[in-house]
Amino acid sequence: MSFSVRAARTSDVPFIQALVEPLVQRRILLGKDSVVFYESIQEFRIAEDEVGRVIGCGALHVIWQDLAEVRTLAVTDDWLHRGVGHALMEQLEADARDLGLSRLFCLTFEVPFFTRHGFEPMTEEPIDPAVYLELVRSPDEGVAEFLDLARVKPNTLGNTRMIKHI
């Protein structure tokens, strides 16, 4: 069977939620309310099989003028290791380039997957003090994770902060 990757639609939200819920239960992904998925639907890409069934998803969330987070990357168990995650990652990276971004961030347990896609564990990523002061005001948890703020430490235990320069 084949699959394709496309922009997400609001009608995909229930499928995205069903896809990520088992990963939330296993504490691999953070849970999100429905409203958050609807508010960010334009960030998502969907992988679907040839009959239109959602088999994967991923999102690109812009954090700053040169930086975005890859988030909520998930694939159904029966499509794992069949190139779906790779195709989603390639599309998200293409989207990042189209937006003029030069860095991608992720917080993940799936270090080998992201390493294969050019990500490296983060050391201290230099941040201009003025930019830091702007970023620290964001209510977004992904920004807090990028900044490695103490308030997100309980949610990030065991995860690896990774960065890719594109």
C-alpha atoms as a PDB file:
ATOM      1  CA  MET A   1       0.000   0.000   0.000  1.00  0.00           C
ATOM      2  CA  SER A   2       1.067   3.564  -0.616  1.00  0.00           C
ATOM      3  CA  PHE A   3       0.499   6.788   1.282  1.00  0.00           C
ATOM      4  CA  SER A   4       0.642  10.534   0.725  1.00  0.00           C
ATOM      5  CA  VAL A   5       1.280  13.611   2.865  1.00  0.00           C
ATOM      6  CA  ARG A   6      -0.992  16.643   2.754  1.00  0.00           C
ATOM      7  CA  ALA A   7      -1.933  19.713   4.773  1.00  0.00           C
ATOM      8  CA  ALA A   8      -4.293  18.958   7.645  1.00  0.00           C
ATOM      9  CA  ARG A   9      -7.947  20.003   7.694  1.00  0.00           C
ATOM     10  CA  THR A  10     -10.153  20.706  10.688  1.00  0.00           C
ATOM     11  CA  SER A  11     -11.957  17.425   9.996  1.00  0.00           C
ATOM     12  CA  ASP A  12      -8.666  15.642  10.780  1.00  0.00           C
ATOM     13  CA  VAL A  13      -8.589  16.738  14.433  1.00  0.00           C
ATOM     14  CA  PRO A  14     -10.492  13.707  15.815  1.00  0.00           C
ATOM     15  CA  PHE A  15      -8.135  11.410  13.878  1.00  0.00           C
ATOM     16  CA  ILE A  16      -5.054  13.262  15.143  1.00  0.00           C
ATOM     17  CA  GLN A  17      -6.359  12.962  18.701  1.00  0.00           C
ATOM     18  CA  ALA A  18      -7.033   9.233  18.294  1.00  0.00           C
ATOM     19  CA  LEU A  19      -3.565   8.755  16.811  1.00  0.00           C
ATOM     20  CA  VAL A  20      -1.694  10.571  19.589  1.00  0.00           C
ATOM     21  CA  GLU A  21      -3.798   9.420  22.574  1.00  0.00           C
ATOM     22  CA  PRO A  22      -1.959   6.082  23.033  1.00  0.00           C
ATOM     23  CA  LEU A  23       1.332   8.010  22.967  1.00  0.00           C
ATOM     24  CA  VAL A  24      -0.021  10.433  25.551  1.00  0.00           C
ATOM     25  CA  GLN A  25      -1.020   7.490  27.756  1.00  0.00           C
ATOM     26  CA  ARG A  26       2.517   6.091  27.450  1.00  0.00           C
ATOM     27  CA  ARG A  27       3.887   9.582  28.306  1.00  0.00           C
ATOM     28  CA  ILE A  28       5.688   9.848  24.971  1.00  0.00           C
ATOM     29  CA  LEU A  29       3.702  12.913  23.867  1.00  0.00           C
ATOM     30  CA  LEU A  30       2.053  15.614  25.930  1.00  0.00           C
ATOM     31  CA  GLY A  31      -1.733  15.642  25.858  1.00  0.00           C
ATOM     32  CA  LYS A  32      -3.557  18.577  24.317  1.00  0.00           C
ATOM     33  CA  ASP A  33      -7.126  19.778  24.477  1.00  0.00           C
ATOM     34  CA  SER A  34      -9.202  19.706  21.301  1.00  0.00           C
ATOM     35  CA  VAL A  35      -9.154  23.488  21.077  1.00  0.00           C
ATOM     36  CA  VAL A  36      -5.349  23.457  20.875  1.00  0.00           C
ATOM     37  CA  PHE A  37      -5.440  21.096  17.893  1.00  0.00           C
ATOM     38  CA  TYR A  38      -8.027  23.252  16.140  1.00  0.00           C
ATOM     39  CA  GLU A  39      -6.067  26.450  16.861  1.00  0.00           C
ATOM     40  CA  SER A  40      -2.920  24.946  15.375  1.00  0.00           C
ATOM     41  CA  ILE A  41      -4.381  22.856  12.529  1.00  0.00           C
ATOM     42  CA  GLN A  42      -2.543  24.924   9.895  1.00  0.00           C
ATOM     43  CA  GLU A  43       0.762  23.706  11.434  1.00  0.00           C
ATOM     44  CA  PHE A  44      -0.080  20.036  10.830  1.00  0.00           C
ATOM     45  CA  ARG A  45       0.666  17.694   7.980  1.00  0.00           C
ATOM     46  CA  ILE A  46      -1.246  14.441   7.625  1.00  0.00           C
ATOM     47  CA  ALA A  47      -0.093  11.148   6.151  1.00  0.00           C
ATOM     48  CA  GLU A  48      -2.955   9.108   4.763  1.00  0.00           C
ATOM     49  CA  ASP A  49      -3.112   5.712   3.115  1.00  0.00           C
ATOM     50  CA  GLU A  50      -4.545   5.178  -0.357  1.00  0.00           C
ATOM     51  CA  VAL A  51      -8.107   4.935   0.981  1.00  0.00           C
ATOM     52  CA  GLY A  52      -7.793   8.215   2.910  1.00  0.00           C
ATOM     53  CA  ARG A  53      -7.254   6.795   6.403  1.00  0.00           C
ATOM     54  CA  VAL A  54      -5.031   8.999   8.630  1.00  0.00           C
ATOM     55  CA  ILE A  55      -1.871   7.011   9.401  1.00  0.00           C
ATOM     56  CA  GLY A  56       0.427   9.746  10.680  1.00  0.00           C
ATOM     57  CA  CYS A  57       0.734  13.381  11.603  1.00  0.00           C
ATOM     58  CA  GLY A  58       3.302  16.002  12.470  1.00  0.00           C
ATOM     59  CA  ALA A  59       3.359  19.719  13.114  1.00  0.00           C
ATOM     60  CA  LEU A  60       5.771  22.592  12.637  1.00  0.00           C
ATOM     61  CA  HIS A  61       5.353  25.322  15.254  1.00  0.00           C
ATOM     62  CA  VAL A  62       7.255  28.555  14.633  1.00  0.00           C
ATOM     63  CA  ILE A  63       8.980  29.834  17.767  1.00  0.00           C
ATOM     64  CA  TRP A  64      11.068  32.723  16.417  1.00  0.00           C
ATOM     65  CA  GLN A  65      12.152  34.252  13.117  1.00  0.00           C
ATOM     66  CA  ASP A  66      14.679  31.460  12.439  1.00  0.00           C
ATOM     67  CA  LEU A  67      13.394  28.659  14.676  1.00  0.00           C
ATOM     68  CA  ALA A  68      10.509  26.188  14.761  1.00  0.00           C
ATOM     69  CA  GLU A  69       9.642  23.118  16.792  1.00  0.00           C
ATOM     70  CA  VAL A  70       8.733  19.798  15.205  1.00  0.00           C
ATOM     71  CA  ARG A  71       5.920  18.524  17.398  1.00  0.00           C
ATOM     72  CA  THR A  72       3.249  15.856  17.612  1.00  0.00           C
ATOM     73  CA  LEU A  73       5.014  13.573  15.110  1.00  0.00           C
ATOM     74  CA  ALA A  74       3.192  10.239  15.276  1.00  0.00           C
ATOM     75  CA  VAL A  75       2.531   7.214  13.078  1.00  0.00           C
ATOM     76  CA  THR A  76       0.053   4.372  13.591  1.00  0.00           C
ATOM     77  CA  ASP A  77       1.662   1.145  14.787  1.00  0.00           C
ATOM     78  CA  ASP A  78       0.781  -0.750  11.604  1.00  0.00           C
ATOM     79  CA  TRP A  79       2.620   1.837   9.479  1.00  0.00           C
ATOM     80  CA  LEU A  80       5.790   2.105  11.595  1.00  0.00           C
ATOM     81  CA  HIS A  81       9.078   1.500   9.753  1.00  0.00           C
ATOM     82  CA  ARG A  82       7.444   2.010   6.355  1.00  0.00           C
ATOM     83  CA  GLY A  83       8.687   5.554   5.645  1.00  0.00           C
ATOM     84  CA  VAL A  84       5.700   7.498   6.965  1.00  0.00           C
ATOM     85  CA  GLY A  85       7.614   9.325   9.697  1.00  0.00           C
ATOM     86  CA  HIS A  86      10.404  10.070   7.237  1.00  0.00           C
ATOM     87  CA  ALA A  87       7.953  11.508   4.688  1.00  0.00           C
ATOM     88  CA  LEU A  88       6.305  13.674   7.349  1.00  0.00           C
ATOM     89  CA  MET A  89       9.701  14.897   8.561  1.00  0.00           C
ATOM     90  CA  GLU A  90      10.764  15.753   5.002  1.00  0.00           C
ATOM     91  CA  GLN A  91       7.553  17.744   4.472  1.00  0.00           C
ATOM     92  CA  LEU A  92       7.928  19.622   7.762  1.00  0.00           C
ATOM     93  CA  GLU A  93      11.514  20.488   6.878  1.00  0.00           C
ATOM     94  CA  ALA A  94      10.411  21.703   3.421  1.00  0.00           C
ATOM     95  CA  ASP A  95       7.740  23.815   5.132  1.00  0.00           C
ATOM     96  CA  ALA A  96      10.422  25.252   7.431  1.00  0.00           C
ATOM     97  CA  ARG A  97      12.602  26.190   4.478  1.00  0.00           C
ATOM     98  CA  ASP A  98       9.608  27.804   2.741  1.00  0.00           C
ATOM     99  CA  LEU A  99       9.095  29.930   5.854  1.00  0.00           C
ATOM    100  CA  GLY A 100      12.756  31.022   5.832  1.00  0.00           C
ATOM    101  CA  LEU A 101      13.674  29.140   9.006  1.00  0.00           C
ATOM    102  CA  SER A 102      17.201  27.893   9.652  1.00  0.00           C
ATOM    103  CA  ARG A 103      16.812  25.805  12.824  1.00  0.00           C
ATOM    104  CA  LEU A 104      14.462  23.036  13.919  1.00  0.00           C
ATOM    105  CA  PHE A 105      14.009  21.981  17.528  1.00  0.00           C
ATOM    106  CA  CYS A 106      12.389  18.891  19.015  1.00  0.00           C
ATOM    107  CA  LEU A 107      11.982  17.323  22.426  1.00  0.00           C
ATOM    108  CA  THR A 108      11.859  13.578  21.997  1.00  0.00           C
ATOM    109  CA  PHE A 109      12.305  10.056  23.258  1.00  0.00           C
ATOM    110  CA  GLU A 110      12.905   8.982  19.636  1.00  0.00           C
ATOM    111  CA  VAL A 111      16.539  10.069  19.481  1.00  0.00           C
ATOM    112  CA  PRO A 112      17.615   7.538  16.780  1.00  0.00           C
ATOM    113  CA  PHE A 113      14.820   8.695  14.429  1.00  0.00           C
ATOM    114  CA  PHE A 114      15.699  12.363  14.772  1.00  0.00           C
ATOM    115  CA  THR A 115      19.442  11.650  14.594  1.00  0.00           C
ATOM    116  CA  ARG A 116      18.861   9.919  11.237  1.00  0.00           C
ATOM    117  CA  HIS A 117      17.213  13.146  10.106  1.00  0.00           C
ATOM    118  CA  GLY A 118      20.166  15.340  11.048  1.00  0.00           C
ATOM    119  CA  PHE A 119      19.190  16.439  14.547  1.00  0.00           C
ATOM    120  CA  GLU A 120      21.788  16.528  17.306  1.00  0.00           C
ATOM    121  CA  PRO A 121      21.361  16.673  21.078  1.00  0.00           C
ATOM    122  CA  MET A 122      21.349  20.293  22.158  1.00  0.00           C
ATOM    123  CA  THR A 123      24.169  21.748  24.107  1.00  0.00           C
ATOM    124  CA  GLU A 124      23.812  25.355  25.112  1.00  0.00           C
ATOM    125  CA  GLU A 125      22.236  26.991  22.076  1.00  0.00           C
ATOM    126  CA  PRO A 126      23.364  30.626  22.090  1.00  0.00           C
ATOM    127  CA  ILE A 127      20.405  32.963  22.405  1.00  0.00           C
ATOM    128  CA  ASP A 128      20.688  36.703  22.123  1.00  0.00           C
ATOM    129  CA  PRO A 129      19.639  38.193  25.502  1.00  0.00           C
ATOM    130  CA  ALA A 130      17.001  40.404  23.857  1.00  0.00           C
ATOM    131  CA  VAL A 131      15.510  37.381  22.064  1.00  0.00           C
ATOM    132  CA  TYR A 132      15.565  35.386  25.305  1.00  0.00           C
ATOM    133  CA  LEU A 133      13.571  38.132  27.035  1.00  0.00           C
ATOM    134  CA  GLU A 134      10.958  37.902  24.269  1.00  0.00           C
ATOM    135  CA  LEU A 135      10.845  34.081  24.221  1.00  0.00           C
ATOM    136  CA  VAL A 136      10.548  33.718  27.980  1.00  0.00           C
ATOM    137  CA  ARG A 137       7.261  35.662  27.823  1.00  0.00           C
ATOM    138  CA  SER A 138       5.649  33.036  25.603  1.00  0.00           C
ATOM    139  CA  PRO A 139       2.983  30.868  27.256  1.00  0.00           C
ATOM    140  CA  ASP A 140       3.841  28.035  24.809  1.00  0.00           C
ATOM    141  CA  GLU A 141       5.293  24.933  26.472  1.00  0.00           C
ATOM    142  CA  GLY A 142       7.488  24.225  23.435  1.00  0.00           C
ATOM    143  CA  VAL A 143       9.253  27.539  23.894  1.00  0.00           C
ATOM    144  CA  ALA A 144       9.778  26.743  27.579  1.00  0.00           C
ATOM    145  CA  GLU A 145      11.192  23.342  26.579  1.00  0.00           C
ATOM    146  CA  PHE A 146      13.556  24.976  24.067  1.00  0.00           C
ATOM    147  CA  LEU A 147      14.743  27.392  26.759  1.00  0.00           C
ATOM    148  CA  ASP A 148      15.003  24.477  29.225  1.00  0.00           C
ATOM    149  CA  LEU A 149      13.054  26.410  31.850  1.00  0.00           C
ATOM    150  CA  ALA A 150      12.739  24.813  35.278  1.00  0.00           C
ATOM    151  CA  ARG A 151       8.928  24.875  35.184  1.00  0.00           C
ATOM    152  CA  VAL A 152       8.826  22.262  32.380  1.00  0.00           C
ATOM    153  CA  LYS A 153      11.402  19.884  33.875  1.00  0.00           C
ATOM    154  CA  PRO A 154       8.798  17.443  35.302  1.00  0.00           C
ATOM    155  CA  ASN A 155       7.260  17.040  31.817  1.00  0.00           C
ATOM    156  CA  THR A 156      10.586  16.596  30.043  1.00  0.00           C
ATOM    157  CA  LEU A 157      12.229  13.884  32.153  1.00  0.00           C
ATOM    158  CA  GLY A 158      13.890  11.325  29.920  1.00  0.00           C
ATOM    159  CA  ASN A 159      13.384  13.403  26.766  1.00  0.00           C
ATOM    160  CA  THR A 160      16.267  14.720  24.711  1.00  0.00           C
ATOM    161  CA  ARG A 161      16.311  18.285  23.459  1.00  0.00           C
ATOM    162  CA  MET A 162      17.548  18.179  19.870  1.00  0.00           C
ATOM    163  CA  ILE A 163      18.365  20.786  17.227  1.00  0.00           C
ATOM    164  CA  LYS A 164      18.964  20.754  13.489  1.00  0.00           C
ATOM    165  CA  HIS A 165      20.447  23.532  11.379  1.00  0.00           C
ATOM    166  CA  ILE A 166      18.888  23.559   7.906  1.00  0.00           C
END
